[in-house]
Amino acid sequence: GTLKNTQRAYAWFVCAAAQGVGEA
């Protein structure tokens, strides 16, 4: 649904991880 962007993926994983999402 968008262009692949590993840096943005990482940044959003970090945000979710900071809020306790285990998979992130």
mmCIF file of all heavy atoms, coordinates in Angstrom:
data_MODEL
# 
_entry.id   MODEL 
# 
loop_
_atom_site.group_PDB 
_atom_site.id 
_atom_site.type_symbol 
_atom_site.label_atom_id 
_atom_site.label_alt_id 
_atom_site.label_comp_id 
_atom_site.label_asym_id 
_atom_site.label_entity_id 
_atom_site.label_seq_id 
_atom_site.pdbx_PDB_ins_code 
_atom_site.Cartn_x 
_atom_site.Cartn_y 
_atom_site.Cartn_z 
_atom_site.occupancy 
_atom_site.B_iso_or_equiv 
_atom_site.pdbx_formal_charge 
_atom_site.auth_seq_id 
_atom_site.auth_comp_id 
_atom_site.auth_asym_id 
_atom_site.auth_atom_id 
_atom_site.pdbx_PDB_model_num 
ATOM 1   N N   . GLY A 1 1  ? 0.796  -1.212  0.000  1.00 0.00 ? 1  GLY A N   1 
ATOM 2   C CA  . GLY A 1 1  ? 0.000  0.000   0.000  1.00 0.00 ? 1  GLY A CA  1 
ATOM 3   C C   . GLY A 1 1  ? 0.833  1.268   0.000  1.00 0.00 ? 1  GLY A C   1 
ATOM 4   O O   . GLY A 1 1  ? 0.296  2.377   0.019  1.00 0.00 ? 1  GLY A O   1 
ATOM 5   N N   . THR A 1 2  ? 2.140  1.105   -0.012 1.00 0.00 ? 2  THR A N   1 
ATOM 6   C CA  . THR A 1 2  ? 3.067  2.230   0.006  1.00 0.00 ? 2  THR A CA  1 
ATOM 7   C C   . THR A 1 2  ? 4.427  1.744   -0.467 1.00 0.00 ? 2  THR A C   1 
ATOM 8   O O   . THR A 1 2  ? 4.648  0.540   -0.605 1.00 0.00 ? 2  THR A O   1 
ATOM 9   C CB  . THR A 1 2  ? 3.187  2.803   1.443  1.00 0.00 ? 2  THR A CB  1 
ATOM 10  O OG1 . THR A 1 2  ? 3.993  3.982   1.413  1.00 0.00 ? 2  THR A OG1 1 
ATOM 11  C CG2 . THR A 1 2  ? 3.813  1.788   2.388  1.00 0.00 ? 2  THR A CG2 1 
ATOM 12  N N   . LEU A 1 3  ? 5.333  2.679   -0.715 1.00 0.00 ? 3  LEU A N   1 
ATOM 13  C CA  . LEU A 1 3  ? 6.696  2.278   -1.065 1.00 0.00 ? 3  LEU A CA  1 
ATOM 14  C C   . LEU A 1 3  ? 7.384  1.688   0.162  1.00 0.00 ? 3  LEU A C   1 
ATOM 15  O O   . LEU A 1 3  ? 7.193  2.149   1.285  1.00 0.00 ? 3  LEU A O   1 
ATOM 16  C CB  . LEU A 1 3  ? 7.482  3.493   -1.567 1.00 0.00 ? 3  LEU A CB  1 
ATOM 17  C CG  . LEU A 1 3  ? 7.022  4.111   -2.896 1.00 0.00 ? 3  LEU A CG  1 
ATOM 18  C CD1 . LEU A 1 3  ? 7.834  5.360   -3.198 1.00 0.00 ? 3  LEU A CD1 1 
ATOM 19  C CD2 . LEU A 1 3  ? 7.130  3.106   -4.026 1.00 0.00 ? 3  LEU A CD2 1 
ATOM 20  N N   . LYS A 1 4  ? 8.182  0.680   -0.069 1.00 0.00 ? 4  LYS A N   1 
ATOM 21  C CA  . LYS A 1 4  ? 8.934  0.056   1.021  1.00 0.00 ? 4  LYS A CA  1 
ATOM 22  C C   . LYS A 1 4  ? 9.875  1.078   1.632  1.00 0.00 ? 4  LYS A C   1 
ATOM 23  O O   . LYS A 1 4  ? 10.593 1.793   0.931  1.00 0.00 ? 4  LYS A O   1 
ATOM 24  C CB  . LYS A 1 4  ? 9.706  -1.139  0.473  1.00 0.00 ? 4  LYS A CB  1 
ATOM 25  C CG  . LYS A 1 4  ? 10.515 -1.907  1.518  1.00 0.00 ? 4  LYS A CG  1 
ATOM 26  C CD  . LYS A 1 4  ? 11.259 -3.042  0.825  1.00 0.00 ? 4  LYS A CD  1 
ATOM 27  C CE  . LYS A 1 4  ? 12.176 -3.758  1.788  1.00 0.00 ? 4  LYS A CE  1 
ATOM 28  N NZ  . LYS A 1 4  ? 11.436 -4.464  2.840  1.00 0.00 ? 4  LYS A NZ  1 
ATOM 29  N N   . ASN A 1 5  ? 9.863  1.161   2.965  1.00 0.00 ? 5  ASN A N   1 
ATOM 30  C CA  . ASN A 1 5  ? 10.735 2.117   3.644  1.00 0.00 ? 5  ASN A CA  1 
ATOM 31  C C   . ASN A 1 5  ? 11.136 1.518   4.985  1.00 0.00 ? 5  ASN A C   1 
ATOM 32  O O   . ASN A 1 5  ? 10.398 1.583   5.962  1.00 0.00 ? 5  ASN A O   1 
ATOM 33  C CB  . ASN A 1 5  ? 10.012 3.453   3.843  1.00 0.00 ? 5  ASN A CB  1 
ATOM 34  C CG  . ASN A 1 5  ? 10.938 4.559   4.320  1.00 0.00 ? 5  ASN A CG  1 
ATOM 35  O OD1 . ASN A 1 5  ? 11.745 4.362   5.219  1.00 0.00 ? 5  ASN A OD1 1 
ATOM 36  N ND2 . ASN A 1 5  ? 10.812 5.746   3.723  1.00 0.00 ? 5  ASN A ND2 1 
ATOM 37  N N   . THR A 1 6  ? 12.299 0.920   5.014  1.00 0.00 ? 6  THR A N   1 
ATOM 38  C CA  . THR A 1 6  ? 12.757 0.214   6.210  1.00 0.00 ? 6  THR A CA  1 
ATOM 39  C C   . THR A 1 6  ? 12.980 1.157   7.382  1.00 0.00 ? 6  THR A C   1 
ATOM 40  O O   . THR A 1 6  ? 12.703 0.810   8.537  1.00 0.00 ? 6  THR A O   1 
ATOM 41  C CB  . THR A 1 6  ? 14.057 -0.547  5.903  1.00 0.00 ? 6  THR A CB  1 
ATOM 42  O OG1 . THR A 1 6  ? 13.845 -1.420  4.793  1.00 0.00 ? 6  THR A OG1 1 
ATOM 43  C CG2 . THR A 1 6  ? 14.489 -1.378  7.109  1.00 0.00 ? 6  THR A CG2 1 
ATOM 44  N N   . GLN A 1 7  ? 13.471 2.359   7.090  1.00 0.00 ? 7  GLN A N   1 
ATOM 45  C CA  . GLN A 1 7  ? 13.714 3.314   8.170  1.00 0.00 ? 7  GLN A CA  1 
ATOM 46  C C   . GLN A 1 7  ? 12.407 3.718   8.857  1.00 0.00 ? 7  GLN A C   1 
ATOM 47  O O   . GLN A 1 7  ? 12.345 3.790   10.095 1.00 0.00 ? 7  GLN A O   1 
ATOM 48  C CB  . GLN A 1 7  ? 14.428 4.562   7.625  1.00 0.00 ? 7  GLN A CB  1 
ATOM 49  C CG  . GLN A 1 7  ? 15.873 4.311   7.216  1.00 0.00 ? 7  GLN A CG  1 
ATOM 50  C CD  . GLN A 1 7  ? 16.004 3.855   5.762  1.00 0.00 ? 7  GLN A CD  1 
ATOM 51  O OE1 . GLN A 1 7  ? 15.034 3.407   5.151  1.00 0.00 ? 7  GLN A OE1 1 
ATOM 52  N NE2 . GLN A 1 7  ? 17.207 3.983   5.212  1.00 0.00 ? 7  GLN A NE2 1 
ATOM 53  N N   . ARG A 1 8  ? 11.369 3.983   8.067  1.00 0.00 ? 8  ARG A N   1 
ATOM 54  C CA  . ARG A 1 8  ? 10.077 4.326   8.668  1.00 0.00 ? 8  ARG A CA  1 
ATOM 55  C C   . ARG A 1 8  ? 9.481  3.136   9.407  1.00 0.00 ? 8  ARG A C   1 
ATOM 56  O O   . ARG A 1 8  ? 8.876  3.300   10.471 1.00 0.00 ? 8  ARG A O   1 
ATOM 57  C CB  . ARG A 1 8  ? 9.104  4.819   7.595  1.00 0.00 ? 8  ARG A CB  1 
ATOM 58  C CG  . ARG A 1 8  ? 9.377  6.225   7.115  1.00 0.00 ? 8  ARG A CG  1 
ATOM 59  C CD  . ARG A 1 8  ? 8.265  6.725   6.211  1.00 0.00 ? 8  ARG A CD  1 
ATOM 60  N NE  . ARG A 1 8  ? 8.568  8.056   5.709  1.00 0.00 ? 8  ARG A NE  1 
ATOM 61  C CZ  . ARG A 1 8  ? 7.772  8.738   4.901  1.00 0.00 ? 8  ARG A CZ  1 
ATOM 62  N NH1 . ARG A 1 8  ? 6.623  8.205   4.505  1.00 0.00 ? 8  ARG A NH1 1 
ATOM 63  N NH2 . ARG A 1 8  ? 8.110  9.944   4.486  1.00 0.00 ? 8  ARG A NH2 1 
ATOM 64  N N   . ALA A 1 9  ? 9.651  1.957   8.826  1.00 0.00 ? 9  ALA A N   1 
ATOM 65  C CA  . ALA A 1 9  ? 9.165  0.758   9.510  1.00 0.00 ? 9  ALA A CA  1 
ATOM 66  C C   . ALA A 1 9  ? 9.815  0.635   10.877 1.00 0.00 ? 9  ALA A C   1 
ATOM 67  O O   . ALA A 1 9  ? 9.133  0.409   11.892 1.00 0.00 ? 9  ALA A O   1 
ATOM 68  C CB  . ALA A 1 9  ? 9.464  -0.479  8.665  1.00 0.00 ? 9  ALA A CB  1 
ATOM 69  N N   . TYR A 1 10 ? 11.107 0.809   10.921 1.00 0.00 ? 10 TYR A N   1 
ATOM 70  C CA  . TYR A 1 10 ? 11.842 0.716   12.186 1.00 0.00 ? 10 TYR A CA  1 
ATOM 71  C C   . TYR A 1 10 ? 11.334 1.766   13.175 1.00 0.00 ? 10 TYR A C   1 
ATOM 72  O O   . TYR A 1 10 ? 11.077 1.466   14.353 1.00 0.00 ? 10 TYR A O   1 
ATOM 73  C CB  . TYR A 1 10 ? 13.328 0.918   11.921 1.00 0.00 ? 10 TYR A CB  1 
ATOM 74  C CG  . TYR A 1 10 ? 14.217 0.764   13.142 1.00 0.00 ? 10 TYR A CG  1 
ATOM 75  C CD1 . TYR A 1 10 ? 14.835 -0.448  13.429 1.00 0.00 ? 10 TYR A CD1 1 
ATOM 76  C CD2 . TYR A 1 10 ? 14.447 1.834   14.004 1.00 0.00 ? 10 TYR A CD2 1 
ATOM 77  C CE1 . TYR A 1 10 ? 15.659 -0.592  14.546 1.00 0.00 ? 10 TYR A CE1 1 
ATOM 78  C CE2 . TYR A 1 10 ? 15.260 1.700   15.115 1.00 0.00 ? 10 TYR A CE2 1 
ATOM 79  C CZ  . TYR A 1 10 ? 15.860 0.483   15.384 1.00 0.00 ? 10 TYR A CZ  1 
ATOM 80  O OH  . TYR A 1 10 ? 16.663 0.355   16.493 1.00 0.00 ? 10 TYR A OH  1 
ATOM 81  N N   . ALA A 1 11 ? 11.158 2.987   12.697 1.00 0.00 ? 11 ALA A N   1 
ATOM 82  C CA  . ALA A 1 11 ? 10.725 4.072   13.582 1.00 0.00 ? 11 ALA A CA  1 
ATOM 83  C C   . ALA A 1 11 ? 9.349  3.798   14.171 1.00 0.00 ? 11 ALA A C   1 
ATOM 84  O O   . ALA A 1 11 ? 9.110  4.030   15.363 1.00 0.00 ? 11 ALA A O   1 
ATOM 85  C CB  . ALA A 1 11 ? 10.725 5.395   12.821 1.00 0.00 ? 11 ALA A CB  1 
ATOM 86  N N   . TRP A 1 12 ? 8.425  3.281   13.347 1.00 0.00 ? 12 TRP A N   1 
ATOM 87  C CA  . TRP A 1 12 ? 7.081  2.979   13.863 1.00 0.00 ? 12 TRP A CA  1 
ATOM 88  C C   . TRP A 1 12 ? 7.119  1.769   14.796 1.00 0.00 ? 12 TRP A C   1 
ATOM 89  O O   . TRP A 1 12 ? 6.383  1.734   15.792 1.00 0.00 ? 12 TRP A O   1 
ATOM 90  C CB  . TRP A 1 12 ? 6.091  2.761   12.725 1.00 0.00 ? 12 TRP A CB  1 
ATOM 91  C CG  . TRP A 1 12 ? 5.627  4.026   12.081 1.00 0.00 ? 12 TRP A CG  1 
ATOM 92  C CD1 . TRP A 1 12 ? 5.724  4.378   10.763 1.00 0.00 ? 12 TRP A CD1 1 
ATOM 93  C CD2 . TRP A 1 12 ? 4.959  5.126   12.721 1.00 0.00 ? 12 TRP A CD2 1 
ATOM 94  N NE1 . TRP A 1 12 ? 5.173  5.618   10.541 1.00 0.00 ? 12 TRP A NE1 1 
ATOM 95  C CE2 . TRP A 1 12 ? 4.689  6.097   11.728 1.00 0.00 ? 12 TRP A CE2 1 
ATOM 96  C CE3 . TRP A 1 12 ? 4.566  5.386   14.031 1.00 0.00 ? 12 TRP A CE3 1 
ATOM 97  C CZ2 . TRP A 1 12 ? 4.052  7.312   12.017 1.00 0.00 ? 12 TRP A CZ2 1 
ATOM 98  C CZ3 . TRP A 1 12 ? 3.927  6.593   14.320 1.00 0.00 ? 12 TRP A CZ3 1 
ATOM 99  C CH2 . TRP A 1 12 ? 3.676  7.534   13.319 1.00 0.00 ? 12 TRP A CH2 1 
ATOM 100 N N   . PHE A 1 13 ? 7.958  0.787   14.501 1.00 0.00 ? 13 PHE A N   1 
ATOM 101 C CA  . PHE A 1 13 ? 8.118  -0.335  15.438 1.00 0.00 ? 13 PHE A CA  1 
ATOM 102 C C   . PHE A 1 13 ? 8.605  0.173   16.796 1.00 0.00 ? 13 PHE A C   1 
ATOM 103 O O   . PHE A 1 13 ? 8.140  -0.281  17.843 1.00 0.00 ? 13 PHE A O   1 
ATOM 104 C CB  . PHE A 1 13 ? 9.115  -1.359  14.894 1.00 0.00 ? 13 PHE A CB  1 
ATOM 105 C CG  . PHE A 1 13 ? 8.552  -2.352  13.922 1.00 0.00 ? 13 PHE A CG  1 
ATOM 106 C CD1 . PHE A 1 13 ? 9.248  -2.675  12.758 1.00 0.00 ? 13 PHE A CD1 1 
ATOM 107 C CD2 . PHE A 1 13 ? 7.353  -3.011  14.176 1.00 0.00 ? 13 PHE A CD2 1 
ATOM 108 C CE1 . PHE A 1 13 ? 8.745  -3.610  11.859 1.00 0.00 ? 13 PHE A CE1 1 
ATOM 109 C CE2 . PHE A 1 13 ? 6.839  -3.948  13.282 1.00 0.00 ? 13 PHE A CE2 1 
ATOM 110 C CZ  . PHE A 1 13 ? 7.534  -4.240  12.118 1.00 0.00 ? 13 PHE A CZ  1 
ATOM 111 N N   . VAL A 1 14 ? 9.533  1.107   16.777 1.00 0.00 ? 14 VAL A N   1 
ATOM 112 C CA  . VAL A 1 14 ? 10.061 1.662   18.023 1.00 0.00 ? 14 VAL A CA  1 
ATOM 113 C C   . VAL A 1 14 ? 8.949  2.341   18.819 1.00 0.00 ? 14 VAL A C   1 
ATOM 114 O O   . VAL A 1 14 ? 8.853  2.184   20.049 1.00 0.00 ? 14 VAL A O   1 
ATOM 115 C CB  . VAL A 1 14 ? 11.215 2.655   17.742 1.00 0.00 ? 14 VAL A CB  1 
ATOM 116 C CG1 . VAL A 1 14 ? 11.528 3.496   18.980 1.00 0.00 ? 14 VAL A CG1 1 
ATOM 117 C CG2 . VAL A 1 14 ? 12.465 1.905   17.290 1.00 0.00 ? 14 VAL A CG2 1 
ATOM 118 N N   . CYS A 1 15 ? 8.091  3.091   18.136 1.00 0.00 ? 15 CYS A N   1 
ATOM 119 C CA  . CYS A 1 15 ? 6.975  3.770   18.821 1.00 0.00 ? 15 CYS A CA  1 
ATOM 120 C C   . CYS A 1 15 ? 6.037  2.753   19.464 1.00 0.00 ? 15 CYS A C   1 
ATOM 121 O O   . CYS A 1 15 ? 5.626  2.909   20.627 1.00 0.00 ? 15 CYS A O   1 
ATOM 122 C CB  . CYS A 1 15 ? 6.205  4.634   17.837 1.00 0.00 ? 15 CYS A CB  1 
ATOM 123 S SG  . CYS A 1 15 ? 7.107  6.093   17.251 1.00 0.00 ? 15 CYS A SG  1 
ATOM 124 N N   . ALA A 1 16 ? 5.675  1.716   18.702 1.00 0.00 ? 16 ALA A N   1 
ATOM 125 C CA  . ALA A 1 16 ? 4.781  0.689   19.247 1.00 0.00 ? 16 ALA A CA  1 
ATOM 126 C C   . ALA A 1 16 ? 5.452  -0.078  20.379 1.00 0.00 ? 16 ALA A C   1 
ATOM 127 O O   . ALA A 1 16 ? 4.818  -0.402  21.393 1.00 0.00 ? 16 ALA A O   1 
ATOM 128 C CB  . ALA A 1 16 ? 4.349  -0.273  18.138 1.00 0.00 ? 16 ALA A CB  1 
ATOM 129 N N   . ALA A 1 17 ? 6.728  -0.350  20.202 1.00 0.00 ? 17 ALA A N   1 
ATOM 130 C CA  . ALA A 1 17 ? 7.478  -1.068  21.237 1.00 0.00 ? 17 ALA A CA  1 
ATOM 131 C C   . ALA A 1 17 ? 7.531  -0.268  22.532 1.00 0.00 ? 17 ALA A C   1 
ATOM 132 O O   . ALA A 1 17 ? 7.431  -0.823  23.630 1.00 0.00 ? 17 ALA A O   1 
ATOM 133 C CB  . ALA A 1 17 ? 8.894  -1.371  20.741 1.00 0.00 ? 17 ALA A CB  1 
ATOM 134 N N   . ALA A 1 18 ? 7.694  1.039   22.405 1.00 0.00 ? 18 ALA A N   1 
ATOM 135 C CA  . ALA A 1 18 ? 7.761  1.905   23.584 1.00 0.00 ? 18 ALA A CA  1 
ATOM 136 C C   . ALA A 1 18 ? 6.451  1.900   24.361 1.00 0.00 ? 18 ALA A C   1 
ATOM 137 O O   . ALA A 1 18 ? 6.422  2.213   25.548 1.00 0.00 ? 18 ALA A O   1 
ATOM 138 C CB  . ALA A 1 18 ? 8.104  3.334   23.165 1.00 0.00 ? 18 ALA A CB  1 
ATOM 139 N N   . GLN A 1 19 ? 5.363  1.505   23.671 1.00 0.00 ? 19 GLN A N   1 
ATOM 140 C CA  . GLN A 1 19 ? 4.053  1.444   24.316 1.00 0.00 ? 19 GLN A CA  1 
ATOM 141 C C   . GLN A 1 19 ? 3.676  0.021   24.715 1.00 0.00 ? 19 GLN A C   1 
ATOM 142 O O   . GLN A 1 19 ? 2.526  -0.245  25.056 1.00 0.00 ? 19 GLN A O   1 
ATOM 143 C CB  . GLN A 1 19 ? 2.986  2.057   23.404 1.00 0.00 ? 19 GLN A CB  1 
ATOM 144 C CG  . GLN A 1 19 ? 3.222  3.523   23.101 1.00 0.00 ? 19 GLN A CG  1 
ATOM 145 C CD  . GLN A 1 19 ? 1.988  4.188   22.537 1.00 0.00 ? 19 GLN A CD  1 
ATOM 146 O OE1 . GLN A 1 19 ? 1.030  4.463   23.236 1.00 0.00 ? 19 GLN A OE1 1 
ATOM 147 N NE2 . GLN A 1 19 ? 2.019  4.441   21.225 1.00 0.00 ? 19 GLN A NE2 1 
ATOM 148 N N   . GLY A 1 20 ? 4.648  -0.878  24.661 1.00 0.00 ? 20 GLY A N   1 
ATOM 149 C CA  . GLY A 1 20 ? 4.443  -2.212  25.205 1.00 0.00 ? 20 GLY A CA  1 
ATOM 150 C C   . GLY A 1 20 ? 3.951  -3.272  24.250 1.00 0.00 ? 20 GLY A C   1 
ATOM 151 O O   . GLY A 1 20 ? 3.553  -4.354  24.686 1.00 0.00 ? 20 GLY A O   1 
ATOM 152 N N   . VAL A 1 21 ? 3.980  -3.021  22.949 1.00 0.00 ? 21 VAL A N   1 
ATOM 153 C CA  . VAL A 1 21 ? 3.544  -4.034  21.982 1.00 0.00 ? 21 VAL A CA  1 
ATOM 154 C C   . VAL A 1 21 ? 4.686  -5.040  21.799 1.00 0.00 ? 21 VAL A C   1 
ATOM 155 O O   . VAL A 1 21 ? 5.734  -4.714  21.230 1.00 0.00 ? 21 VAL A O   1 
ATOM 156 C CB  . VAL A 1 21 ? 3.156  -3.397  20.635 1.00 0.00 ? 21 VAL A CB  1 
ATOM 157 C CG1 . VAL A 1 21 ? 2.733  -4.474  19.639 1.00 0.00 ? 21 VAL A CG1 1 
ATOM 158 C CG2 . VAL A 1 21 ? 2.012  -2.398  20.835 1.00 0.00 ? 21 VAL A CG2 1 
ATOM 159 N N   . GLY A 1 22 ? 4.471  -6.254  22.275 1.00 0.00 ? 22 GLY A N   1 
ATOM 160 C CA  . GLY A 1 22 ? 5.532  -7.258  22.284 1.00 0.00 ? 22 GLY A CA  1 
ATOM 161 C C   . GLY A 1 22 ? 6.080  -7.596  20.916 1.00 0.00 ? 22 GLY A C   1 
ATOM 162 O O   . GLY A 1 22 ? 7.299  -7.753  20.744 1.00 0.00 ? 22 GLY A O   1 
ATOM 163 N N   . GLU A 1 23 ? 5.197  -7.724  19.923 1.00 0.00 ? 23 GLU A N   1 
ATOM 164 C CA  . GLU A 1 23 ? 5.649  -8.048  18.567 1.00 0.00 ? 23 GLU A CA  1 
ATOM 165 C C   . GLU A 1 23 ? 6.570  -6.956  18.026 1.00 0.00 ? 23 GLU A C   1 
ATOM 166 O O   . GLU A 1 23 ? 7.548  -7.232  17.332 1.00 0.00 ? 23 GLU A O   1 
ATOM 167 C CB  . GLU A 1 23 ? 4.451  -8.233  17.632 1.00 0.00 ? 23 GLU A CB  1 
ATOM 168 C CG  . GLU A 1 23 ? 3.626  -9.478  17.904 1.00 0.00 ? 23 GLU A CG  1 
ATOM 169 C CD  . GLU A 1 23 ? 2.550  -9.237  18.956 1.00 0.00 ? 23 GLU A CD  1 
ATOM 170 O OE1 . GLU A 1 23 ? 2.630  -8.212  19.668 1.00 0.00 ? 23 GLU A OE1 1 
ATOM 171 O OE2 . GLU A 1 23 ? 1.641  -10.071 19.063 1.00 0.00 ? 23 GLU A OE2 1 
ATOM 172 N N   . ALA A 1 24 ? 6.252  -5.709  18.346 1.00 0.00 ? 24 ALA A N   1 
ATOM 173 C CA  . ALA A 1 24 ? 7.087  -4.599  17.900 1.00 0.00 ? 24 ALA A CA  1 
ATOM 174 C C   . ALA A 1 24 ? 8.451  -4.636  18.581 1.00 0.00 ? 24 ALA A C   1 
ATOM 175 O O   . ALA A 1 24 ? 9.478  -4.354  17.954 1.00 0.00 ? 24 ALA A O   1 
ATOM 176 C CB  . ALA A 1 24 ? 6.381  -3.277  18.191 1.00 0.00 ? 24 ALA A CB  1 
# 
